[in-house]
């Protein structure tokens, strides 16, 4: 039985699956690292059930010759250490007749939902082979089979495994033997996909998750205090920053809940230290009151929201862009704030660094809308350039005469006295106040301060970073966040079909920039809005804040299924059919 493809492929998708504890995530990470060492790009998305421990797990992989930001439309192979509840991944791992199903016959037959795809089945007795190699594990058999399937050189795989076992070197011979057995089994089946050779010239690359990238971006931006309360899928961001912060003179404190964590960062920032917390939708809901305090008191803070399926507890370990509305409009009163959305795993670094810079410069809270796909996915990516942006706030020097904390200025930003500055003091309060910070219920003070807080955000020059605008044509795909990768691939496919479309991936969601979007859509008569939620929250925002062309189509669906390139491609072609003749 052979699955060898004659034409070299630019990307291949493979899923490693098994029950919790089977080691498929470990095998997936090792496979991704080996592909990176061999010169390819790659992406691994973690998928698991809602159980705290155990349950089903899948490492969804895509290896490619070029940078990638999304999974493809289908999977070339699924390699299952066992089939326990793996049917739950059927929608996430679409197969077809050219796909391969690899499973251990001792673990039962593949679920019918996979068999019905027409994919070809290969039996790989992983458990039996592992028993014949004392000290080995079935997941290493799966790793060997998958690496041979993808054409990753054996020496790269073994080197990566050796590094991972540096504290358990006695396990290395058994692991290497298991890998060799898995590769031999794949070669014996003639199972291989012809992945095109990686590029010869390579820029420096990183192997990083979106959560790690966001944490590093925050540190680059100047964050030196983090208050943490663990929540899926944001916990890894906090885990990354815990050991990283002390290296730059910072500190992380684990709070007792989300309310404590957000109020801690308000206090730290009031004291002059750029501060951040990370959470998911349920935590953001709890933080809204403190975010309003930061707006009123003009205290800069950053909250990274790694979005997940909702509402309520929802689907904690799956991705969904369902917090757009609460991020944009979830605070009581007129409470302007910054909302920034990275559009790739690498951009989680740049966007978070920018968010720290903006929060400090504008003395306002910033919400960074990441999501589970970005946060917990691991990618081989070109090293992001350092923007050089650092959080710098306007402070009042010691002895300033006639100091007014909330002085009305042309920019809307007023000098902030850091507590302890000789001769200066100010009141930071959630109550409305005068320019001096004295609580006031006067209509004039309220109007003046409301206008001031709005003006400083609206008047700021955000430059070209507000969005990524690419391509040309009468059709525009307007999107944000993790839908960007699929939209970009879809536009490339449409171009190959002779249909031109442009991409507008918005990084700055608030404050709204109507003139900038109007310029980006100049010459566009049809717009496709792409988002991953049920209610069209992003579309509603666009309709509320921007002038759009007459023809606007919405393509959306909620998680846990990602938006796939071919889905967007078909929507673009359908819009082309609506072209005025």
Protein backbone atom coordinates (compact mmCIF):
# COMPACT_ATOMS: atom_id res chain seq x y z
CA UNK A 1 0.00 0.00 0.00
CA UNK A 2 1.54 3.32 -0.99
CA UNK A 3 0.54 6.91 -0.35
CA UNK A 4 3.60 8.47 -1.97
CA UNK A 5 2.71 11.64 -3.84
CA UNK A 6 4.63 12.37 -7.05
CA UNK A 7 4.34 16.15 -7.04
CA UNK A 8 6.16 17.87 -4.16
CA UNK A 9 3.75 19.50 -1.75
CA UNK A 10 4.25 22.92 -0.18
CA UNK A 11 2.48 21.83 3.00
CA UNK A 12 1.23 18.67 4.70
CA UNK A 13 -1.22 18.33 7.61
CA UNK A 14 -1.05 15.47 10.09
CA UNK A 15 -2.85 14.81 13.39
CA UNK A 16 -1.38 12.84 16.28
CA UNK A 17 -4.16 11.63 18.57
CA UNK A 18 -4.63 9.61 21.73
CA UNK A 19 -6.09 9.58 25.20
CA UNK A 20 -4.73 11.87 27.90
CA UNK A 21 -1.36 10.61 29.06
CA UNK A 22 -0.58 8.84 25.78
CA UNK A 23 2.08 11.43 25.01
CA UNK A 24 0.73 12.76 21.73
CA UNK A 25 1.46 16.38 22.67
CA UNK A 26 5.06 15.43 23.47
CA UNK A 27 5.38 13.60 20.17
CA UNK A 28 3.81 16.54 18.34
CA UNK A 29 6.18 19.06 19.87
CA UNK A 30 9.17 16.87 19.02
CA UNK A 31 7.94 16.46 15.44
CA UNK A 32 7.52 20.22 15.06
CA UNK A 33 11.00 20.89 16.45
CA UNK A 34 12.54 18.30 14.12
CA UNK A 35 10.81 19.88 11.13
CA UNK A 36 12.15 23.27 12.22
CA UNK A 37 15.67 21.89 12.51
CA UNK A 38 15.33 20.45 9.00
CA UNK A 39 14.45 23.91 7.67
CA UNK A 40 10.67 23.80 7.29
CA UNK A 41 8.06 26.07 8.80
CA UNK A 42 5.36 24.55 10.95
CA UNK A 43 2.35 25.02 13.18
CA UNK A 44 0.97 22.82 15.95
CA UNK A 45 -2.45 23.42 17.44
CA UNK A 46 -3.40 21.72 20.69
CA UNK A 47 -6.89 20.30 20.97
CA UNK A 48 -8.32 18.53 23.98
CA UNK A 49 -11.55 17.84 25.79
CA UNK A 50 -12.88 19.81 28.76
CA UNK A 51 -11.47 17.46 31.39
CA UNK A 52 -8.94 18.85 33.84
CA UNK A 53 -6.97 15.62 33.53
CA UNK A 54 -7.21 12.76 31.07
CA UNK A 55 -9.66 12.71 28.21
CA UNK A 56 -8.83 12.84 24.53
CA UNK A 57 -6.00 14.91 23.07
CA UNK A 58 -4.75 15.82 19.61
CA UNK A 59 -1.71 17.59 18.23
CA UNK A 60 -2.82 19.08 14.91
CA UNK A 61 0.22 19.72 12.74
CA UNK A 62 0.97 21.52 9.50
CA UNK A 63 4.50 21.46 8.09
CA UNK A 64 5.25 23.77 5.15
CA UNK A 65 7.92 25.33 2.99
CA UNK A 66 6.65 28.82 3.78
CA UNK A 67 5.32 30.75 6.81
CA UNK A 68 1.83 29.60 7.80
CA UNK A 69 -0.76 31.04 10.18
CA UNK A 70 -3.58 28.51 9.90
CA UNK A 71 -4.41 24.87 9.29
CA UNK A 72 -5.31 23.71 5.79
CA UNK A 73 -8.76 22.49 4.71
CA UNK A 74 -8.07 18.80 5.22
CA UNK A 75 -5.58 16.45 6.89
CA UNK A 76 -3.30 14.13 4.99
CA UNK A 77 -3.01 11.67 7.86
CA UNK A 78 -4.19 10.87 11.36
CA UNK A 79 -1.89 8.76 13.55
CA UNK A 80 -3.69 7.49 16.65
CA UNK A 81 -1.89 5.89 19.60
CA UNK A 82 -5.36 4.76 20.68
CA UNK A 83 -8.94 5.57 19.63
CA UNK A 84 -10.39 6.57 23.03
CA UNK A 85 -12.96 9.28 22.26
CA UNK A 86 -11.00 10.32 19.16
CA UNK A 87 -14.30 10.49 17.26
CA UNK A 88 -14.81 13.80 19.04
CA UNK A 89 -12.11 15.27 16.80
CA UNK A 90 -13.84 14.22 13.59
CA UNK A 91 -14.94 17.74 12.68
CA UNK A 92 -11.52 19.17 13.52
CA UNK A 93 -9.62 16.56 11.51
CA UNK A 94 -11.39 16.33 8.13
CA UNK A 95 -10.10 13.47 5.97
CA UNK A 96 -10.76 12.40 2.40
CA UNK A 97 -9.95 9.51 0.09
CA UNK A 98 -6.33 10.58 -0.30
CA UNK A 99 -5.76 10.70 3.46
CA UNK A 100 -4.22 8.02 5.64
CA UNK A 101 -5.53 6.54 8.89
CA UNK A 102 -2.81 4.98 11.04
CA UNK A 103 -3.86 3.08 14.17
CA UNK A 104 -2.93 0.26 16.51
CA UNK A 105 -5.11 -2.82 15.84
CA UNK A 106 -4.84 -3.78 19.52
CA UNK A 107 -6.67 -0.54 20.34
CA UNK A 108 -9.68 -1.39 18.20
CA UNK A 109 -10.86 -0.21 14.80
CA UNK A 110 -10.87 3.46 13.73
CA UNK A 111 -14.16 5.26 14.44
CA UNK A 112 -16.70 4.91 11.66
CA UNK A 113 -16.76 8.67 11.15
CA UNK A 114 -13.15 8.52 9.91
CA UNK A 115 -13.62 5.33 7.91
CA UNK A 116 -16.56 6.89 6.02
CA UNK A 117 -14.19 9.49 4.58
CA UNK A 118 -12.70 6.81 2.35
CA UNK A 119 -9.23 7.36 3.81
CA UNK A 120 -6.87 4.41 3.55
CA UNK A 121 -6.06 2.52 6.74
CA UNK A 122 -2.67 1.28 7.91
CA UNK A 123 -2.21 -0.92 10.94
CA UNK A 124 0.70 0.03 13.18
CA UNK A 125 1.00 -2.17 16.30
CA UNK A 126 2.59 0.54 18.43
CA UNK A 127 1.91 -1.12 21.76
CA UNK A 128 3.33 -4.47 20.59
CA UNK A 129 6.42 -2.85 19.08
CA UNK A 130 7.01 -0.82 22.25
CA UNK A 131 6.79 -3.96 24.39
CA UNK A 132 9.62 -5.44 22.31
CA UNK A 133 11.84 -2.44 23.08
CA UNK A 134 12.21 -2.25 26.89
CA UNK A 135 11.83 1.30 28.17
CA UNK A 136 10.14 2.63 25.05
CA UNK A 137 6.68 4.10 24.60
CA UNK A 138 4.08 3.91 21.81
CA UNK A 139 4.19 7.68 21.25
CA UNK A 140 7.81 7.36 20.07
CA UNK A 141 6.68 4.74 17.55
CA UNK A 142 4.08 7.25 16.34
CA UNK A 143 6.74 9.98 16.18
CA UNK A 144 8.99 7.78 14.05
CA UNK A 145 6.16 6.85 11.68
CA UNK A 146 5.04 10.48 11.28
CA UNK A 147 8.57 11.77 10.72
CA UNK A 148 9.16 9.20 7.97
CA UNK A 149 5.76 10.06 6.50
CA UNK A 150 6.78 13.71 6.25
CA UNK A 151 10.31 13.01 5.07
CA UNK A 152 12.00 14.62 8.07
CA UNK A 153 15.58 13.30 8.28
CA UNK A 154 16.12 10.73 11.02
CA UNK A 155 19.15 12.56 12.43
CA UNK A 156 17.05 15.70 13.05
CA UNK A 157 14.41 13.71 14.92
CA UNK A 158 16.96 11.87 17.05
CA UNK A 159 18.82 15.08 17.88
CA UNK A 160 15.66 16.76 19.08
CA UNK A 161 14.72 13.75 21.21
CA UNK A 162 18.22 13.65 22.69
CA UNK A 163 17.94 17.30 23.74
CA UNK A 164 14.52 16.71 25.29
CA UNK A 165 15.89 13.78 27.33
CA UNK A 166 19.05 15.48 28.58
CA UNK A 167 17.86 14.90 32.16
CA UNK A 168 16.90 11.31 31.41
CA UNK A 169 19.67 10.16 29.09
CA UNK A 170 19.17 6.55 30.11
CA UNK A 171 15.87 6.59 28.20
CA UNK A 172 17.48 7.75 24.95
CA UNK A 173 18.51 4.38 23.46
CA UNK A 174 15.00 2.97 23.88
CA UNK A 175 13.42 6.12 22.44
CA UNK A 176 15.76 6.09 19.43
CA UNK A 177 15.03 2.41 18.83
CA UNK A 178 11.29 3.11 18.97
CA UNK A 179 11.65 5.98 16.49
CA UNK A 180 13.63 3.76 14.13
CA UNK A 181 10.95 1.07 14.41
CA UNK A 182 8.23 3.58 13.55
CA UNK A 183 10.19 4.89 10.57
CA UNK A 184 10.81 1.35 9.33
CA UNK A 185 7.10 0.58 9.58
CA UNK A 186 6.25 3.63 7.48
CA UNK A 187 8.93 2.76 4.92
CA UNK A 188 7.66 -0.82 4.79
CA UNK A 189 4.17 0.43 4.00
CA UNK A 190 5.52 2.78 1.35
CA UNK A 191 3.74 5.53 3.25
CA UNK A 192 5.15 8.97 2.48
CA UNK A 193 4.14 12.41 1.33
CA UNK A 194 6.53 14.30 -0.91
CA UNK A 195 7.05 17.57 0.94
CA UNK A 196 9.04 20.03 -1.13
CA UNK A 197 12.52 20.85 0.10
CA UNK A 198 12.77 23.69 2.61
CA UNK A 199 14.22 27.00 1.45
CA UNK A 200 18.01 26.99 1.28
CA UNK A 201 18.47 30.49 2.69
CA UNK A 202 16.90 30.92 6.08
CA UNK A 203 16.43 33.96 8.28
CA UNK A 204 16.62 33.38 12.01
CA UNK A 205 13.46 31.68 13.21
CA UNK A 206 11.69 31.16 16.49
CA UNK A 207 9.69 28.24 17.79
CA UNK A 208 7.14 29.96 19.99
CA UNK A 209 3.53 30.00 21.16
CA UNK A 210 1.28 33.04 21.00
CA UNK A 211 1.16 33.19 24.80
CA UNK A 212 4.96 33.19 25.01
CA UNK A 213 5.15 35.82 22.28
CA UNK A 214 2.66 38.07 24.09
CA UNK A 215 4.61 37.71 27.33
CA UNK A 216 7.87 38.60 25.63
CA UNK A 217 6.23 41.54 23.88
CA UNK A 218 4.95 42.82 27.21
CA UNK A 219 8.44 42.68 28.70
CA UNK A 220 9.91 44.40 25.66
CA UNK A 221 7.29 47.09 26.07
CA UNK A 222 8.33 47.72 29.66
CA UNK A 223 5.95 45.68 31.82
CA UNK A 224 7.59 44.94 35.15
CA UNK A 225 4.63 43.85 37.29
CA UNK A 226 2.15 41.07 36.57
CA UNK A 227 -0.71 39.92 38.77
CA UNK A 228 -1.81 36.44 37.79
CA UNK A 229 -4.81 34.24 38.30
CA UNK A 230 -4.68 31.03 36.24
CA UNK A 231 -7.37 30.43 33.62
CA UNK A 232 -7.43 28.37 30.44
CA UNK A 233 -6.13 29.25 27.85
CA UNK A 234 -4.16 32.22 29.25
CA UNK A 235 -2.24 30.42 31.98
CA UNK A 236 0.84 29.71 29.84
CA UNK A 237 1.34 33.44 29.28
CA UNK A 238 1.57 33.91 33.03
CA UNK A 239 3.76 30.81 33.42
CA UNK A 240 6.15 32.24 30.82
CA UNK A 241 6.38 35.62 32.56
CA UNK A 242 6.87 34.23 36.08
CA UNK A 243 10.55 33.30 35.53
CA UNK A 244 11.18 35.91 32.82
CA UNK A 245 10.21 39.01 34.82
CA UNK A 246 12.86 38.66 37.58
CA UNK A 247 15.53 38.64 34.86
CA UNK A 248 14.60 42.25 34.04
CA UNK A 249 13.91 43.39 37.59
CA UNK A 250 10.18 42.65 37.53
CA UNK A 251 7.89 40.51 39.63
CA UNK A 252 4.79 38.34 39.22
CA UNK A 253 2.29 37.84 42.04
CA UNK A 254 -0.39 35.16 41.97
CA UNK A 255 -3.64 36.74 43.10
CA UNK A 256 -6.59 34.99 44.71
CA UNK A 257 -8.94 35.77 41.81
CA UNK A 258 -9.47 37.94 38.75
CA UNK A 259 -10.82 40.84 40.76
CA UNK A 260 -7.69 40.95 42.87
CA UNK A 261 -5.35 40.60 39.89
CA UNK A 262 -6.78 43.51 37.91
CA UNK A 263 -6.92 45.77 40.96
CA UNK A 264 -3.33 44.86 41.80
CA UNK A 265 -2.14 46.03 38.39
CA UNK A 266 -4.13 49.26 38.74
CA UNK A 267 -2.30 49.86 42.03
CA UNK A 268 1.11 48.95 40.59
CA UNK A 269 0.63 51.24 37.62
CA UNK A 270 -0.56 54.07 39.88
CA UNK A 271 2.78 53.58 41.62
CA UNK A 272 4.61 54.08 38.34
CA UNK A 273 5.28 50.50 37.22
CA UNK A 274 3.88 49.32 33.84
CA UNK A 275 1.59 46.41 34.70
CA UNK A 276 -0.32 43.59 33.04
CA UNK A 277 -2.63 40.68 33.71
CA UNK A 278 -3.88 37.92 31.41
CA UNK A 279 -7.23 36.18 31.43
CA UNK A 280 -10.01 34.69 29.30
CA UNK A 281 -13.65 35.70 28.77
CA UNK A 282 -15.00 34.78 32.22
CA UNK A 283 -12.17 36.67 33.87
CA UNK A 284 -12.58 39.71 31.63
CA UNK A 285 -16.23 39.88 32.65
CA UNK A 286 -15.16 40.09 36.29
CA UNK A 287 -12.57 42.77 35.51
CA UNK A 288 -14.89 45.30 33.89
CA UNK A 289 -15.46 47.37 37.04
CA UNK A 290 -11.74 47.81 37.64
CA UNK A 291 -11.22 48.62 33.96
CA UNK A 292 -13.74 51.42 34.40
CA UNK A 293 -11.73 52.67 37.38
CA UNK A 294 -8.59 52.72 35.23
CA UNK A 295 -10.45 54.74 32.59
CA UNK A 296 -11.75 57.30 35.10
CA UNK A 297 -8.48 57.58 37.03
CA UNK A 298 -6.46 57.52 33.78
CA UNK A 299 -4.17 54.75 35.00
CA UNK A 300 -2.47 52.73 32.23
CA UNK A 301 -2.89 48.94 32.42
CA UNK A 302 -2.82 46.07 29.93
CA UNK A 303 -5.20 43.08 30.03
CA UNK A 304 -4.51 40.24 27.60
CA UNK A 305 -7.73 38.34 26.89
CA UNK A 306 -6.99 34.93 25.37
CA UNK A 307 -10.50 34.29 24.04
CA UNK A 308 -12.19 30.90 24.26
CA UNK A 309 -15.60 29.43 23.53
CA UNK A 310 -18.41 30.98 25.54
CA UNK A 311 -20.67 32.04 27.17
CA UNK A 312 -20.13 31.12 30.83
CA UNK A 313 -17.60 28.29 31.17
CA UNK A 314 -18.25 27.47 27.52
CA UNK A 315 -15.50 25.45 25.85
CA UNK A 316 -12.33 26.36 27.76
CA UNK A 317 -9.77 24.61 25.55
CA UNK A 318 -11.14 25.70 22.17
CA UNK A 319 -10.84 28.96 20.26
CA UNK A 320 -13.58 31.50 19.54
CA UNK A 321 -13.59 35.25 18.84
CA UNK A 322 -16.53 35.77 21.15
CA UNK A 323 -15.30 38.60 23.41
CA UNK A 324 -15.37 41.38 20.81
CA UNK A 325 -18.51 43.02 22.17
CA UNK A 326 -17.48 42.98 25.83
CA UNK A 327 -14.02 44.31 24.97
CA UNK A 328 -15.45 47.18 22.91
CA UNK A 329 -18.58 48.07 24.86
CA UNK A 330 -18.58 46.05 28.09
CA UNK A 331 -17.89 48.89 30.54
CA UNK A 332 -20.60 51.02 32.13
CA UNK A 333 -20.69 54.71 31.34
CA UNK A 334 -18.76 56.41 28.56
CA UNK A 335 -15.47 54.61 29.11
CA UNK A 336 -13.07 54.83 26.14
CA UNK A 337 -10.31 52.26 26.11
CA UNK A 338 -7.81 50.71 23.70
CA UNK A 339 -8.57 47.34 22.09
CA UNK A 340 -5.80 45.71 20.05
CA UNK A 341 -5.93 42.37 18.20
CA UNK A 342 -2.78 40.54 17.01
CA UNK A 343 -3.20 38.83 13.65
CA UNK A 344 -0.60 36.03 13.89
CA UNK A 345 1.34 34.11 16.51
CA UNK A 346 4.40 36.27 15.85
CA UNK A 347 2.24 39.39 15.96
CA UNK A 348 1.20 38.50 19.51
CA UNK A 349 4.63 39.86 20.43
CA UNK A 350 4.44 43.04 18.35
CA UNK A 351 0.80 43.82 19.18
CA UNK A 352 1.27 43.34 22.93
CA UNK A 353 4.40 45.48 22.91
CA UNK A 354 2.43 48.15 21.06
CA UNK A 355 -0.42 47.86 23.57
CA UNK A 356 1.97 48.55 26.47
CA UNK A 357 3.36 51.54 24.60
CA UNK A 358 -0.09 52.95 23.87
CA UNK A 359 -1.46 52.35 27.36
CA UNK A 360 1.47 54.19 28.94
CA UNK A 361 1.55 57.02 26.41
CA UNK A 362 -2.21 57.62 26.57
CA UNK A 363 -2.71 56.74 30.27
CA UNK A 364 -5.55 54.37 29.46
CA UNK A 365 -6.36 50.68 29.81
CA UNK A 366 -5.57 48.47 26.82
CA UNK A 367 -7.22 45.12 26.10
CA UNK A 368 -5.30 42.73 23.84
CA UNK A 369 -7.67 40.30 22.11
CA UNK A 370 -5.74 37.11 21.51
CA UNK A 371 -7.44 33.69 21.45
CA UNK A 372 -6.84 30.02 22.23
CA UNK A 373 -5.67 29.29 18.68
CA UNK A 374 -2.89 31.86 18.97
CA UNK A 375 -2.20 31.41 22.66
CA UNK A 376 -1.71 27.66 22.80
CA UNK A 377 -0.55 26.98 19.23
CA UNK A 378 3.18 26.62 18.64
CA UNK A 379 4.73 27.84 15.42
CA UNK A 380 8.00 27.98 13.56
CA UNK A 381 8.06 31.61 12.54
CA UNK A 382 10.51 34.16 11.24
CA UNK A 383 11.92 36.19 14.09
CA UNK A 384 9.73 39.28 14.60
CA UNK A 385 11.53 42.59 14.34
CA UNK A 386 11.75 44.65 17.50
CA UNK A 387 9.57 47.71 17.01
CA UNK A 388 11.56 49.54 19.68
CA UNK A 389 8.33 50.78 21.24
CA UNK A 390 8.54 51.11 25.01
CA UNK A 391 5.91 52.27 27.43
CA UNK A 392 6.71 55.84 28.40
CA UNK A 393 4.25 58.01 30.28
CA UNK A 394 4.15 61.75 30.70
CA UNK A 395 5.16 62.46 34.30
CA UNK A 396 5.27 65.64 36.33
CA UNK A 397 8.70 66.71 37.60
CA UNK A 398 9.28 67.37 41.27
CA UNK A 399 8.18 70.79 42.47
CA UNK A 400 5.84 71.53 39.56
CA UNK A 401 3.82 74.58 40.52
CA UNK A 402 0.06 74.53 40.25
CA UNK A 403 0.03 70.81 39.52
CA UNK A 404 -3.26 69.51 38.15
CA UNK A 405 -3.40 65.75 37.66
CA UNK A 406 -6.26 65.96 35.16
CA UNK A 407 -5.31 69.24 33.50
CA UNK A 408 -7.13 69.79 30.22
CA UNK A 409 -4.55 69.70 27.43
CA UNK A 410 -4.73 69.76 23.66
CA UNK A 411 -3.73 66.10 23.44
CA UNK A 412 -5.94 65.07 26.35
CA UNK A 413 -2.92 63.58 28.15
CA UNK A 414 -1.92 65.29 31.39
CA UNK A 415 1.26 64.84 33.45
CA UNK A 416 1.05 62.09 36.05
CA UNK A 417 2.74 62.52 39.41
CA UNK A 418 4.31 59.28 40.54
CA UNK A 419 3.63 58.76 44.28
CA UNK A 420 6.62 59.91 46.27
CA UNK A 421 7.61 62.71 43.89
CA UNK A 422 8.67 65.63 46.15
CA UNK A 423 6.12 68.41 46.34
CA UNK A 424 3.45 66.63 44.34
CA UNK A 425 0.38 64.61 45.22
CA UNK A 426 -2.84 63.76 43.47
CA UNK A 427 -6.07 61.94 44.07
CA UNK A 428 -6.86 59.03 41.76
CA UNK A 429 -10.51 58.18 42.17
CA UNK A 430 -13.36 56.49 40.38
CA UNK A 431 -15.53 59.49 41.22
CA UNK A 432 -15.77 62.20 38.62
CA UNK A 433 -13.38 64.99 39.42
CA UNK A 434 -12.05 68.41 38.59
CA UNK A 435 -8.72 69.04 36.90
CA UNK A 436 -7.05 68.83 40.33
CA UNK A 437 -8.55 65.44 41.02
CA UNK A 438 -11.05 66.73 43.58
CA UNK A 439 -14.32 64.72 43.41
CA UNK A 440 -17.02 66.73 41.66
CA UNK A 441 -20.62 66.17 40.61
CA UNK A 442 -20.68 69.36 38.57
CA UNK A 443 -21.98 69.10 35.04
CA UNK A 444 -19.12 71.20 33.63
CA UNK A 445 -16.42 69.03 35.20
CA UNK A 446 -18.11 65.86 33.98
CA UNK A 447 -18.41 67.09 30.40
CA UNK A 448 -14.82 68.35 30.34
CA UNK A 449 -13.33 65.13 31.70
CA UNK A 450 -15.45 62.89 29.46
CA UNK A 451 -14.28 64.85 26.42
CA UNK A 452 -10.67 64.77 27.63
CA UNK A 453 -10.63 60.99 28.06
CA UNK A 454 -12.12 60.51 24.61
CA UNK A 455 -9.94 63.10 22.90
CA UNK A 456 -6.62 61.61 23.95
CA UNK A 457 -7.48 58.31 22.26
CA UNK A 458 -9.17 59.72 19.17
CA UNK A 459 -6.53 62.37 18.47
CA UNK A 460 -3.55 60.03 18.70
CA UNK A 461 -1.69 59.08 15.52
CA UNK A 462 -1.59 55.27 15.43
CA UNK A 463 0.32 55.11 12.16
CA UNK A 464 0.24 52.17 9.78
CA UNK A 465 0.04 49.65 12.63
CA UNK A 466 -3.72 50.10 12.89
CA UNK A 467 -4.18 47.33 10.26
CA UNK A 468 -2.45 45.14 7.70
CA UNK A 469 -3.72 46.18 4.26
CA UNK A 470 -2.63 43.97 1.37
CA UNK A 471 -3.57 43.50 -2.27
CA UNK A 472 -5.99 45.25 -4.56
CA UNK A 473 -9.32 44.76 -6.28
CA UNK A 474 -12.99 45.58 -5.90
CA UNK A 475 -13.47 42.96 -3.18
CA UNK A 476 -12.08 43.37 0.33
CA UNK A 477 -11.91 40.74 3.04
CA UNK A 478 -12.13 42.57 6.36
CA UNK A 479 -11.17 40.51 9.38
CA UNK A 480 -9.06 40.45 12.54
CA UNK A 481 -7.13 38.11 14.78
CA UNK A 482 -6.70 34.43 14.02
CA UNK A 483 -9.00 34.54 10.97
CA UNK A 484 -6.29 36.52 9.17
CA UNK A 485 -4.22 33.51 8.15
CA UNK A 486 -7.13 31.72 6.51
CA UNK A 487 -8.26 34.93 4.80
CA UNK A 488 -4.77 35.57 3.43
CA UNK A 489 -4.56 32.04 1.97
CA UNK A 490 -8.05 32.35 0.52
CA UNK A 491 -7.14 35.60 -1.23
CA UNK A 492 -4.06 33.92 -2.75
CA UNK A 493 -6.24 31.09 -4.09
CA UNK A 494 -8.73 33.56 -5.52
CA UNK A 495 -5.87 35.39 -7.21
CA UNK A 496 -4.82 32.11 -8.84
CA UNK A 497 -8.41 31.87 -10.13
CA UNK A 498 -8.08 35.34 -11.66
CA UNK A 499 -10.06 37.12 -8.95
CA UNK A 500 -8.31 39.97 -7.14
CA UNK A 501 -9.20 40.85 -3.57
CA UNK A 502 -7.55 42.85 -0.86
CA UNK A 503 -7.04 41.99 2.78
CA UNK A 504 -7.78 44.39 5.62
CA UNK A 505 -6.82 42.79 8.93
CA UNK A 506 -7.58 45.30 11.67
CA UNK A 507 -5.16 45.41 14.59
CA UNK A 508 -6.64 48.48 16.30
CA UNK A 509 -10.32 47.92 17.09
CA UNK A 510 -10.74 50.78 19.54
CA UNK A 511 -10.76 53.63 19.14
CA UNK A 512 -12.41 53.26 15.74
CA UNK A 513 -10.52 54.84 12.83
CA UNK A 514 -13.22 55.52 10.19
CA UNK A 515 -10.99 57.59 7.90
CA UNK A 516 -8.27 54.95 7.84
CA UNK A 517 -10.69 52.16 6.94
CA UNK A 518 -12.31 54.36 4.30
CA UNK A 519 -8.88 54.86 2.70
CA UNK A 520 -8.16 51.12 2.87
CA UNK A 521 -11.49 50.41 1.13
CA UNK A 522 -11.06 53.05 -1.57
CA UNK A 523 -12.25 51.49 -4.83
CA UNK A 524 -13.94 48.57 -3.07
CA UNK A 525 -17.60 47.89 -3.82
CA UNK A 526 -17.97 44.52 -2.04
CA UNK A 527 -16.85 43.56 1.43
CA UNK A 528 -16.62 40.14 3.04
CA UNK A 529 -16.42 40.24 6.85
CA UNK A 530 -14.84 37.11 8.35
CA UNK A 531 -14.98 36.24 12.05
CA UNK A 532 -15.21 33.24 14.37
CA UNK A 533 -18.30 33.75 16.50
CA UNK A 534 -22.01 33.07 16.22
CA UNK A 535 -23.56 36.51 16.39
CA UNK A 536 -21.42 38.53 13.99
CA UNK A 537 -19.98 40.75 16.73
CA UNK A 538 -17.24 42.15 14.50
CA UNK A 539 -19.72 42.93 11.71
CA UNK A 540 -21.97 44.76 14.16
CA UNK A 541 -19.00 46.82 15.29
CA UNK A 542 -18.10 47.70 11.70
CA UNK A 543 -21.67 48.72 10.88
CA UNK A 544 -21.86 50.85 14.02
CA UNK A 545 -18.57 52.71 13.62
CA UNK A 546 -17.70 52.79 9.90
CA UNK A 547 -19.10 53.64 6.48
CA UNK A 548 -19.12 50.44 4.43
CA UNK A 549 -19.90 49.78 0.77
CA UNK A 550 -23.46 48.82 -0.07
CA UNK A 551 -22.64 45.13 -0.58
CA UNK A 552 -21.44 43.55 2.65
CA UNK A 553 -21.47 39.82 3.23
CA UNK A 554 -20.81 38.11 6.54
CA UNK A 555 -18.99 34.81 6.82
CA UNK A 556 -18.89 33.59 10.37
CA UNK A 557 -19.29 30.57 12.55
CA UNK A 558 -18.43 29.92 16.19
CA UNK A 559 -15.69 27.65 17.50
CA UNK A 560 -14.38 25.14 18.07
CA UNK A 561 -13.91 24.68 14.32
CA UNK A 562 -11.50 27.20 12.81
CA UNK A 563 -12.28 29.26 9.74
CA UNK A 564 -10.63 27.37 6.88
CA UNK A 565 -9.06 28.91 3.74
CA UNK A 566 -11.35 27.14 1.27
CA UNK A 567 -14.45 28.39 3.08
CA UNK A 568 -13.31 31.99 2.62
CA UNK A 569 -12.15 31.26 -0.93
CA UNK A 570 -15.65 30.13 -1.92
CA UNK A 571 -17.14 33.28 -0.38
CA UNK A 572 -14.78 35.48 -2.40
CA UNK A 573 -15.72 33.69 -5.63
CA UNK A 574 -19.40 34.09 -4.78
CA UNK A 575 -18.88 37.83 -4.29
CA UNK A 576 -17.12 38.03 -7.64
CA UNK A 577 -20.27 36.65 -9.23
CA UNK A 578 -22.12 39.64 -7.77
CA UNK A 579 -19.80 42.07 -9.56
CA UNK A 580 -21.68 44.90 -11.31
CA UNK A 581 -21.65 44.29 -15.07
